[in-house]
């Protein structure tokens, strides 16, 4: 079924991802979004304050960047990650810090697990890619044990919180086509709260998270930007002249410190709740 998304002009100016985007290169994802995911994820897990132990589920675990962070910071008794991309799972299984994780290929909207299987279920930068987020959250609620916790965090696309938004704005100004993930409305804290409450979770809370990432130089930043599977492809399709024009426009909007380092900050919204 087609998905119609109504977005603000501010959101459109920051959008540089495709509705059907698929991350297949685990190593590229690690360099591009894995770093930002862990920066935001550390704040998220501290806020979650989940007790050590228990069985955790990482829904849309990708290449295992956030999964590994959970293993390091939360000491789960058991950990399962589920992800539709086989290539991403292959990279995840290569992580030394997640050798004990049970990785499963599957879909967030149809979790292949029994009811009440997990003490904690989490989604890190995933919900806005789920075509039917209400079903995805309902599935999360189904597999969470009574008393267990379910939580997620998403880049705040509508308010320019996507980490590559500065490049997205310049692409928009130059006439590049711009689209958003299919469920971008779930990036709003109010919508996340609504989804959690509709799924029956109690003690629902939301918060914002900032994730600053510093690059040693503009060249390093630009190299990372080009790893985006959507924006990077669009840029490489352009003439060398257009590519250079975009590069210099982005450079002109950066403010390096005395050592030439540049910091871009992603902003996310997070939600958590308890299964009654």
C-alpha atoms as a PDB file:
ATOM      1  CA  UNK A   1       0.000   0.000   0.000  1.00  0.00           C
ATOM      2  CA  UNK A   2       1.475   3.436  -0.906  1.00  0.00           C
ATOM      3  CA  UNK A   3       2.489   5.583   2.030  1.00  0.00           C
ATOM      4  CA  UNK A   4       1.601   9.286   1.929  1.00  0.00           C
ATOM      5  CA  UNK A   5       3.812  11.493   4.044  1.00  0.00           C
ATOM      6  CA  UNK A   6       3.030  15.123   4.847  1.00  0.00           C
ATOM      7  CA  UNK A   7       6.162  17.034   5.793  1.00  0.00           C
ATOM      8  CA  UNK A   8       7.083  20.569   6.653  1.00  0.00           C
ATOM      9  CA  UNK A   9       9.240  22.734   4.402  1.00  0.00           C
ATOM     10  CA  UNK A  10      11.969  22.657   7.063  1.00  0.00           C
ATOM     11  CA  UNK A  11      11.925  18.880   6.979  1.00  0.00           C
ATOM     12  CA  UNK A  12      12.083  18.794   3.198  1.00  0.00           C
ATOM     13  CA  UNK A  13      15.159  21.007   3.181  1.00  0.00           C
ATOM     14  CA  UNK A  14      17.014  18.541   5.417  1.00  0.00           C
ATOM     15  CA  UNK A  15      15.949  15.296   3.766  1.00  0.00           C
ATOM     16  CA  UNK A  16      18.489  13.282   1.820  1.00  0.00           C
ATOM     17  CA  UNK A  17      17.325   9.701   2.310  1.00  0.00           C
ATOM     18  CA  UNK A  18      15.135   7.425   0.187  1.00  0.00           C
ATOM     19  CA  UNK A  19      11.869   5.800   1.346  1.00  0.00           C
ATOM     20  CA  UNK A  20      13.174   2.442   0.138  1.00  0.00           C
ATOM     21  CA  UNK A  21      16.740   2.960   1.291  1.00  0.00           C
ATOM     22  CA  UNK A  22      18.582  -0.214   2.208  1.00  0.00           C
ATOM     23  CA  UNK A  23      21.895  -0.293   4.046  1.00  0.00           C
ATOM     24  CA  UNK A  24      23.771  -3.279   2.660  1.00  0.00           C
ATOM     25  CA  UNK A  25      27.413  -2.337   3.258  1.00  0.00           C
ATOM     26  CA  UNK A  26      28.160  -2.962   6.927  1.00  0.00           C
ATOM     27  CA  UNK A  27      31.642  -1.460   6.799  1.00  0.00           C
ATOM     28  CA  UNK A  28      30.423   1.750   5.140  1.00  0.00           C
ATOM     29  CA  UNK A  29      27.548   2.011   7.601  1.00  0.00           C
ATOM     30  CA  UNK A  30      30.036   1.637  10.440  1.00  0.00           C
ATOM     31  CA  UNK A  31      31.998   4.667   9.261  1.00  0.00           C
ATOM     32  CA  UNK A  32      28.948   6.730   8.339  1.00  0.00           C
ATOM     33  CA  UNK A  33      26.140   6.141  10.827  1.00  0.00           C
ATOM     34  CA  UNK A  34      27.541   3.555  13.249  1.00  0.00           C
ATOM     35  CA  UNK A  35      29.630   6.196  15.005  1.00  0.00           C
ATOM     36  CA  UNK A  36      26.704   8.604  15.383  1.00  0.00           C
ATOM     37  CA  UNK A  37      24.489   5.729  16.494  1.00  0.00           C
ATOM     38  CA  UNK A  38      26.814   4.868  19.356  1.00  0.00           C
ATOM     39  CA  UNK A  39      27.185   8.494  20.445  1.00  0.00           C
ATOM     40  CA  UNK A  40      23.402   8.888  20.666  1.00  0.00           C
ATOM     41  CA  UNK A  41      23.016   5.324  21.930  1.00  0.00           C
ATOM     42  CA  UNK A  42      25.219   5.893  24.965  1.00  0.00           C
ATOM     43  CA  UNK A  43      22.978   8.759  26.128  1.00  0.00           C
ATOM     44  CA  UNK A  44      19.905   6.688  25.300  1.00  0.00           C
ATOM     45  CA  UNK A  45      21.039   3.666  27.349  1.00  0.00           C
ATOM     46  CA  UNK A  46      21.986   5.815  30.338  1.00  0.00           C
ATOM     47  CA  UNK A  47      18.474   7.304  30.230  1.00  0.00           C
ATOM     48  CA  UNK A  48      16.933   3.853  29.839  1.00  0.00           C
ATOM     49  CA  UNK A  49      18.544   2.765  33.109  1.00  0.00           C
ATOM     50  CA  UNK A  50      17.606  -0.865  32.515  1.00  0.00           C
ATOM     51  CA  UNK A  51      18.818  -3.379  35.108  1.00  0.00           C
ATOM     52  CA  UNK A  52      21.701  -5.643  34.154  1.00  0.00           C
ATOM     53  CA  UNK A  53      20.859  -9.112  32.955  1.00  0.00           C
ATOM     54  CA  UNK A  54      17.726 -10.241  31.176  1.00  0.00           C
ATOM     55  CA  UNK A  55      17.152 -11.076  27.535  1.00  0.00           C
ATOM     56  CA  UNK A  56      17.395  -8.103  25.146  1.00  0.00           C
ATOM     57  CA  UNK A  57      16.110  -7.751  21.571  1.00  0.00           C
ATOM     58  CA  UNK A  58      17.641  -5.232  19.160  1.00  0.00           C
ATOM     59  CA  UNK A  59      15.123  -4.722  16.350  1.00  0.00           C
ATOM     60  CA  UNK A  60      16.694  -3.567  13.093  1.00  0.00           C
ATOM     61  CA  UNK A  61      20.147  -4.208  14.495  1.00  0.00           C
ATOM     62  CA  UNK A  62      21.885  -3.414  11.207  1.00  0.00           C
ATOM     63  CA  UNK A  63      25.614  -4.073  11.374  1.00  0.00           C
ATOM     64  CA  UNK A  64      25.535  -4.537  15.151  1.00  0.00           C
ATOM     65  CA  UNK A  65      26.879  -1.108  16.163  1.00  0.00           C
ATOM     66  CA  UNK A  66      24.178  -0.470  18.756  1.00  0.00           C
ATOM     67  CA  UNK A  67      23.952  -4.161  19.665  1.00  0.00           C
ATOM     68  CA  UNK A  68      27.598  -4.106  20.672  1.00  0.00           C
ATOM     69  CA  UNK A  69      27.006  -0.974  22.730  1.00  0.00           C
ATOM     70  CA  UNK A  70      24.231  -2.744  24.648  1.00  0.00           C
ATOM     71  CA  UNK A  71      26.556  -5.676  25.308  1.00  0.00           C
ATOM     72  CA  UNK A  72      29.230  -3.328  26.646  1.00  0.00           C
ATOM     73  CA  UNK A  73      27.031  -1.107  28.805  1.00  0.00           C
ATOM     74  CA  UNK A  74      24.069  -3.217  29.942  1.00  0.00           C
ATOM     75  CA  UNK A  75      25.493  -6.710  30.540  1.00  0.00           C
ATOM     76  CA  UNK A  76      22.477  -8.608  29.201  1.00  0.00           C
ATOM     77  CA  UNK A  77      22.203 -12.280  30.117  1.00  0.00           C
ATOM     78  CA  UNK A  78      21.256 -12.952  26.484  1.00  0.00           C
ATOM     79  CA  UNK A  79      21.016 -10.784  23.378  1.00  0.00           C
ATOM     80  CA  UNK A  80      19.169 -11.222  20.091  1.00  0.00           C
ATOM     81  CA  UNK A  81      19.425  -8.972  17.052  1.00  0.00           C
ATOM     82  CA  UNK A  82      17.040  -9.053  14.103  1.00  0.00           C
ATOM     83  CA  UNK A  83      17.715  -7.391  10.742  1.00  0.00           C
ATOM     84  CA  UNK A  84      16.382  -7.828   7.179  1.00  0.00           C
ATOM     85  CA  UNK A  85      19.758  -7.335   5.451  1.00  0.00           C
ATOM     86  CA  UNK A  86      21.915 -10.437   5.212  1.00  0.00           C
ATOM     87  CA  UNK A  87      24.974  -8.335   4.374  1.00  0.00           C
ATOM     88  CA  UNK A  88      24.536  -6.225   7.487  1.00  0.00           C
ATOM     89  CA  UNK A  89      24.149  -9.357   9.602  1.00  0.00           C
ATOM     90  CA  UNK A  90      27.330 -10.785   8.137  1.00  0.00           C
ATOM     91  CA  UNK A  91      29.213  -7.709   9.343  1.00  0.00           C
ATOM     92  CA  UNK A  92      27.479  -7.855  12.740  1.00  0.00           C
ATOM     93  CA  UNK A  93      28.555 -11.456  13.249  1.00  0.00           C
ATOM     94  CA  UNK A  94      32.170 -10.419  12.678  1.00  0.00           C
ATOM     95  CA  UNK A  95      32.161  -8.086  15.701  1.00  0.00           C
ATOM     96  CA  UNK A  96      34.303  -9.420  18.523  1.00  0.00           C
ATOM     97  CA  UNK A  97      31.984  -7.813  21.072  1.00  0.00           C
ATOM     98  CA  UNK A  98      28.848  -9.573  19.845  1.00  0.00           C
ATOM     99  CA  UNK A  99      30.042 -13.154  19.339  1.00  0.00           C
ATOM    100  CA  UNK A 100      27.442 -14.416  21.820  1.00  0.00           C
ATOM    101  CA  UNK A 101      24.567 -12.543  20.167  1.00  0.00           C
ATOM    102  CA  UNK A 102      21.911 -14.579  18.362  1.00  0.00           C
ATOM    103  CA  UNK A 103      21.489 -12.760  15.040  1.00  0.00           C
ATOM    104  CA  UNK A 104      18.316 -13.477  13.073  1.00  0.00           C
ATOM    105  CA  UNK A 105      17.271 -12.305   9.620  1.00  0.00           C
ATOM    106  CA  UNK A 106      13.727 -10.969   9.747  1.00  0.00           C
ATOM    107  CA  UNK A 107      11.269  -8.084   9.673  1.00  0.00           C
ATOM    108  CA  UNK A 108      10.286  -5.670  12.451  1.00  0.00           C
ATOM    109  CA  UNK A 109       6.648  -5.925  11.406  1.00  0.00           C
ATOM    110  CA  UNK A 110       6.572  -9.705  11.836  1.00  0.00           C
ATOM    111  CA  UNK A 111       8.945 -10.720  14.606  1.00  0.00           C
ATOM    112  CA  UNK A 112       9.622 -14.493  14.607  1.00  0.00           C
ATOM    113  CA  UNK A 113       9.521 -14.764  18.392  1.00  0.00           C
ATOM    114  CA  UNK A 114       6.986 -16.023  20.917  1.00  0.00           C
ATOM    115  CA  UNK A 115       4.924 -13.670  23.043  1.00  0.00           C
ATOM    116  CA  UNK A 116       6.636 -12.293  26.157  1.00  0.00           C
ATOM    117  CA  UNK A 117      10.137 -13.463  25.142  1.00  0.00           C
ATOM    118  CA  UNK A 118      12.260 -10.439  26.080  1.00  0.00           C
ATOM    119  CA  UNK A 119      12.932  -8.270  29.117  1.00  0.00           C
ATOM    120  CA  UNK A 120      13.976  -5.325  26.946  1.00  0.00           C
ATOM    121  CA  UNK A 121      13.214  -4.541  23.305  1.00  0.00           C
ATOM    122  CA  UNK A 122      14.896  -1.613  21.577  1.00  0.00           C
ATOM    123  CA  UNK A 123      14.984   0.084  18.168  1.00  0.00           C
ATOM    124  CA  UNK A 124      17.930   2.327  17.349  1.00  0.00           C
ATOM    125  CA  UNK A 125      17.369   4.602  14.324  1.00  0.00           C
ATOM    126  CA  UNK A 126      14.896   2.147  12.830  1.00  0.00           C
ATOM    127  CA  UNK A 127      11.267   3.114  13.418  1.00  0.00           C
ATOM    128  CA  UNK A 128      11.085   5.725  10.631  1.00  0.00           C
ATOM    129  CA  UNK A 129      12.045   2.997   8.131  1.00  0.00           C
ATOM    130  CA  UNK A 130       9.180   0.699   9.205  1.00  0.00           C
ATOM    131  CA  UNK A 131       6.349   1.175   6.660  1.00  0.00           C
ATOM    132  CA  UNK A 132       3.682   0.405   9.280  1.00  0.00           C
ATOM    133  CA  UNK A 133       5.101   1.778  12.539  1.00  0.00           C
ATOM    134  CA  UNK A 134       1.947   1.005  14.525  1.00  0.00           C
ATOM    135  CA  UNK A 135       2.313  -2.660  13.641  1.00  0.00           C
ATOM    136  CA  UNK A 136       6.032  -2.545  14.389  1.00  0.00           C
ATOM    137  CA  UNK A 137       5.461  -1.140  17.881  1.00  0.00           C
ATOM    138  CA  UNK A 138       2.630  -3.617  18.457  1.00  0.00           C
ATOM    139  CA  UNK A 139       5.039  -6.436  17.609  1.00  0.00           C
ATOM    140  CA  UNK A 140       7.551  -4.960  20.027  1.00  0.00           C
ATOM    141  CA  UNK A 141       4.879  -4.951  22.735  1.00  0.00           C
ATOM    142  CA  UNK A 142       3.864  -8.527  21.940  1.00  0.00           C
ATOM    143  CA  UNK A 143       7.350  -9.972  22.444  1.00  0.00           C
ATOM    144  CA  UNK A 144       8.134  -7.917  25.580  1.00  0.00           C
ATOM    145  CA  UNK A 145       7.547  -9.588  28.935  1.00  0.00           C
ATOM    146  CA  UNK A 146       5.170  -8.041  31.486  1.00  0.00           C
ATOM    147  CA  UNK A 147       7.240  -5.546  33.456  1.00  0.00           C
ATOM    148  CA  UNK A 148       9.755  -5.335  30.626  1.00  0.00           C
ATOM    149  CA  UNK A 149      10.869  -2.171  28.868  1.00  0.00           C
ATOM    150  CA  UNK A 150      10.552  -1.131  25.221  1.00  0.00           C
ATOM    151  CA  UNK A 151      12.334   1.913  23.818  1.00  0.00           C
ATOM    152  CA  UNK A 152      13.536   3.582  20.643  1.00  0.00           C
ATOM    153  CA  UNK A 153      15.323   6.643  19.355  1.00  0.00           C
ATOM    154  CA  UNK A 154      15.050   8.324  15.952  1.00  0.00           C
ATOM    155  CA  UNK A 155      16.814  11.203  14.254  1.00  0.00           C
ATOM    156  CA  UNK A 156      14.619  14.293  14.470  1.00  0.00           C
ATOM    157  CA  UNK A 157      14.176  14.743  10.704  1.00  0.00           C
ATOM    158  CA  UNK A 158      11.373  17.345  10.891  1.00  0.00           C
ATOM    159  CA  UNK A 159      13.582  19.720  12.870  1.00  0.00           C
ATOM    160  CA  UNK A 160      16.835  19.173  10.976  1.00  0.00           C
ATOM    161  CA  UNK A 161      18.214  16.622  13.411  1.00  0.00           C
ATOM    162  CA  UNK A 162      19.504  14.154  10.826  1.00  0.00           C
ATOM    163  CA  UNK A 163      23.329  14.287  11.129  1.00  0.00           C
ATOM    164  CA  UNK A 164      23.816  14.988   7.405  1.00  0.00           C
ATOM    165  CA  UNK A 165      21.174  17.738   7.322  1.00  0.00           C
ATOM    166  CA  UNK A 166      23.767  20.491   6.608  1.00  0.00           C
ATOM    167  CA  UNK A 167      24.659  18.745   3.348  1.00  0.00           C
ATOM    168  CA  UNK A 168      20.981  18.053   2.673  1.00  0.00           C
ATOM    169  CA  UNK A 169      20.158  21.750   2.842  1.00  0.00           C
ATOM    170  CA  UNK A 170      22.807  22.592   0.248  1.00  0.00           C
ATOM    171  CA  UNK A 171      21.603  19.778  -2.013  1.00  0.00           C
ATOM    172  CA  UNK A 172      18.059  21.150  -1.746  1.00  0.00           C
ATOM    173  CA  UNK A 173      19.250  24.631  -2.676  1.00  0.00           C
ATOM    174  CA  UNK A 174      21.001  23.207  -5.743  1.00  0.00           C
ATOM    175  CA  UNK A 175      17.852  21.455  -6.911  1.00  0.00           C
ATOM    176  CA  UNK A 176      18.641  17.875  -5.946  1.00  0.00           C
ATOM    177  CA  UNK A 177      15.527  15.774  -5.414  1.00  0.00           C
ATOM    178  CA  UNK A 178      14.778  15.185  -1.750  1.00  0.00           C
ATOM    179  CA  UNK A 179      12.728  12.446  -0.120  1.00  0.00           C
ATOM    180  CA  UNK A 180      12.222  11.112   3.386  1.00  0.00           C
ATOM    181  CA  UNK A 181      11.895   7.718   5.066  1.00  0.00           C
ATOM    182  CA  UNK A 182       8.360   6.300   4.789  1.00  0.00           C
ATOM    183  CA  UNK A 183       7.453   6.864   8.451  1.00  0.00           C
ATOM    184  CA  UNK A 184       9.263  10.116   9.111  1.00  0.00           C
ATOM    185  CA  UNK A 185       6.431  11.288  11.383  1.00  0.00           C
ATOM    186  CA  UNK A 186       7.681   8.792  13.984  1.00  0.00           C
ATOM    187  CA  UNK A 187      10.713  11.032  14.447  1.00  0.00           C
ATOM    188  CA  UNK A 188       8.498  13.434  16.412  1.00  0.00           C
ATOM    189  CA  UNK A 189       8.441  12.866  20.157  1.00  0.00           C
ATOM    190  CA  UNK A 190       4.661  13.363  20.276  1.00  0.00           C
ATOM    191  CA  UNK A 191       4.094  10.661  17.659  1.00  0.00           C
ATOM    192  CA  UNK A 192       6.436   8.266  19.444  1.00  0.00           C
ATOM    193  CA  UNK A 193       4.563   8.771  22.707  1.00  0.00           C
ATOM    194  CA  UNK A 194       1.268   8.171  20.899  1.00  0.00           C
ATOM    195  CA  UNK A 195       2.521   4.922  19.357  1.00  0.00           C
ATOM    196  CA  UNK A 196       3.798   3.641  22.707  1.00  0.00           C
ATOM    197  CA  UNK A 197       0.586   4.482  24.537  1.00  0.00           C
ATOM    198  CA  UNK A 198      -1.564   2.987  21.762  1.00  0.00           C
ATOM    199  CA  UNK A 199       0.459  -0.238  22.050  1.00  0.00           C
ATOM    200  CA  UNK A 200      -0.432  -0.431  25.745  1.00  0.00           C
ATOM    201  CA  UNK A 201       2.857   0.618  27.302  1.00  0.00           C
ATOM    202  CA  UNK A 202       2.704   2.502  30.595  1.00  0.00           C
ATOM    203  CA  UNK A 203       4.997   5.064  32.239  1.00  0.00           C
ATOM    204  CA  UNK A 204       5.795   6.394  28.766  1.00  0.00           C
ATOM    205  CA  UNK A 205       8.495   9.062  28.667  1.00  0.00           C
ATOM    206  CA  UNK A 206      10.275  10.919  25.871  1.00  0.00           C
ATOM    207  CA  UNK A 207      13.426  12.993  25.695  1.00  0.00           C
ATOM    208  CA  UNK A 208      15.725  14.642  23.167  1.00  0.00           C
ATOM    209  CA  UNK A 209      19.324  13.562  22.586  1.00  0.00           C
ATOM    210  CA  UNK A 210      22.230  15.428  20.995  1.00  0.00           C
ATOM    211  CA  UNK A 211      25.011  13.475  19.287  1.00  0.00           C
ATOM    212  CA  UNK A 212      27.999  15.679  18.350  1.00  0.00           C
ATOM    213  CA  UNK A 213      30.657  14.090  16.144  1.00  0.00           C
ATOM    214  CA  UNK A 214      33.966  15.812  15.417  1.00  0.00           C
ATOM    215  CA  UNK A 215      35.981  15.313  12.234  1.00  0.00           C
ATOM    216  CA  UNK A 216      39.686  16.060  11.961  1.00  0.00           C
ATOM    217  CA  UNK A 217      39.194  18.020   8.740  1.00  0.00           C
ATOM    218  CA  UNK A 218      36.630  18.942   6.111  1.00  0.00           C
ATOM    219  CA  UNK A 219      38.121  16.298   3.821  1.00  0.00           C
ATOM    220  CA  UNK A 220      37.366  13.603   6.382  1.00  0.00           C
ATOM    221  CA  UNK A 221      33.831  14.937   6.838  1.00  0.00           C
ATOM    222  CA  UNK A 222      33.204  15.006   3.093  1.00  0.00           C
ATOM    223  CA  UNK A 223      34.483  11.460   2.671  1.00  0.00           C
ATOM    224  CA  UNK A 224      32.028  10.273   5.329  1.00  0.00           C
ATOM    225  CA  UNK A 225      29.136  12.186   3.713  1.00  0.00           C
ATOM    226  CA  UNK A 226      29.713  10.393   0.416  1.00  0.00           C
ATOM    227  CA  UNK A 227      29.185   7.036   2.146  1.00  0.00           C
ATOM    228  CA  UNK A 228      25.458   7.790   2.369  1.00  0.00           C
ATOM    229  CA  UNK A 229      23.807   5.181   0.119  1.00  0.00           C
ATOM    230  CA  UNK A 230      21.277   7.748  -1.116  1.00  0.00           C
ATOM    231  CA  UNK A 231      22.971  11.167  -1.093  1.00  0.00           C
ATOM    232  CA  UNK A 232      26.351   9.741  -2.051  1.00  0.00           C
ATOM    233  CA  UNK A 233      24.917   8.023  -5.103  1.00  0.00           C
ATOM    234  CA  UNK A 234      23.141  11.188  -6.218  1.00  0.00           C
ATOM    235  CA  UNK A 235      26.314  13.196  -5.875  1.00  0.00           C
ATOM    236  CA  UNK A 236      28.444  10.701  -7.808  1.00  0.00           C
ATOM    237  CA  UNK A 237      25.929  10.812 -10.669  1.00  0.00           C
ATOM    238  CA  UNK A 238      26.646  14.521 -11.176  1.00  0.00           C
ATOM    239  CA  UNK A 239      29.341  16.123 -13.284  1.00  0.00           C
ATOM    240  CA  UNK A 240      32.678  16.909 -11.604  1.00  0.00           C
ATOM    241  CA  UNK A 241      31.732  20.586 -11.749  1.00  0.00           C
ATOM    242  CA  UNK A 242      28.460  20.067  -9.891  1.00  0.00           C
ATOM    243  CA  UNK A 243      30.146  17.817  -7.349  1.00  0.00           C
ATOM    244  CA  UNK A 244      32.788  20.465  -6.674  1.00  0.00           C
ATOM    245  CA  UNK A 245      30.156  23.191  -6.391  1.00  0.00           C
ATOM    246  CA  UNK A 246      28.260  21.202  -3.776  1.00  0.00           C
ATOM    247  CA  UNK A 247      31.447  20.364  -1.908  1.00  0.00           C
ATOM    248  CA  UNK A 248      32.457  24.013  -1.697  1.00  0.00           C
ATOM    249  CA  UNK A 249      28.969  25.110  -0.651  1.00  0.00           C
ATOM    250  CA  UNK A 250      29.052  22.622   2.207  1.00  0.00           C
ATOM    251  CA  UNK A 251      32.593  23.681   3.130  1.00  0.00           C
ATOM    252  CA  UNK A 252      31.525  27.333   3.276  1.00  0.00           C
ATOM    253  CA  UNK A 253      28.889  26.508   5.898  1.00  0.00           C
ATOM    254  CA  UNK A 254      31.330  24.657   8.167  1.00  0.00           C
ATOM    255  CA  UNK A 255      33.021  26.395  11.081  1.00  0.00           C
ATOM    256  CA  UNK A 256      36.330  24.665  11.850  1.00  0.00           C
ATOM    257  CA  UNK A 257      38.037  25.200  15.178  1.00  0.00           C
ATOM    258  CA  UNK A 258      41.636  26.358  15.577  1.00  0.00           C
ATOM    259  CA  UNK A 259      42.878  22.847  14.699  1.00  0.00           C
ATOM    260  CA  UNK A 260      40.702  22.631  11.590  1.00  0.00           C
ATOM    261  CA  UNK A 261      38.247  20.204  13.183  1.00  0.00           C
ATOM    262  CA  UNK A 262      34.565  20.339  12.302  1.00  0.00           C
ATOM    263  CA  UNK A 263      31.691  19.163  14.502  1.00  0.00           C
ATOM    264  CA  UNK A 264      28.278  18.186  13.188  1.00  0.00           C
ATOM    265  CA  UNK A 265      25.594  17.347  15.726  1.00  0.00           C
ATOM    266  CA  UNK A 266      22.759  14.914  15.173  1.00  0.00           C
ATOM    267  CA  UNK A 267      19.618  15.397  17.231  1.00  0.00           C
ATOM    268  CA  UNK A 268      17.304  12.532  18.128  1.00  0.00           C
ATOM    269  CA  UNK A 269      14.068  11.935  19.977  1.00  0.00           C
ATOM    270  CA  UNK A 270      13.723   8.940  22.265  1.00  0.00           C
ATOM    271  CA  UNK A 271      10.820   7.114  23.905  1.00  0.00           C
ATOM    272  CA  UNK A 272      10.516   4.409  26.542  1.00  0.00           C
ATOM    273  CA  UNK A 273       7.693   2.591  28.289  1.00  0.00           C
ATOM    274  CA  UNK A 274       6.841  -0.457  30.415  1.00  0.00           C
ATOM    275  CA  UNK A 275       4.798  -3.499  29.423  1.00  0.00           C
ATOM    276  CA  UNK A 276       2.047  -3.826  32.050  1.00  0.00           C
END
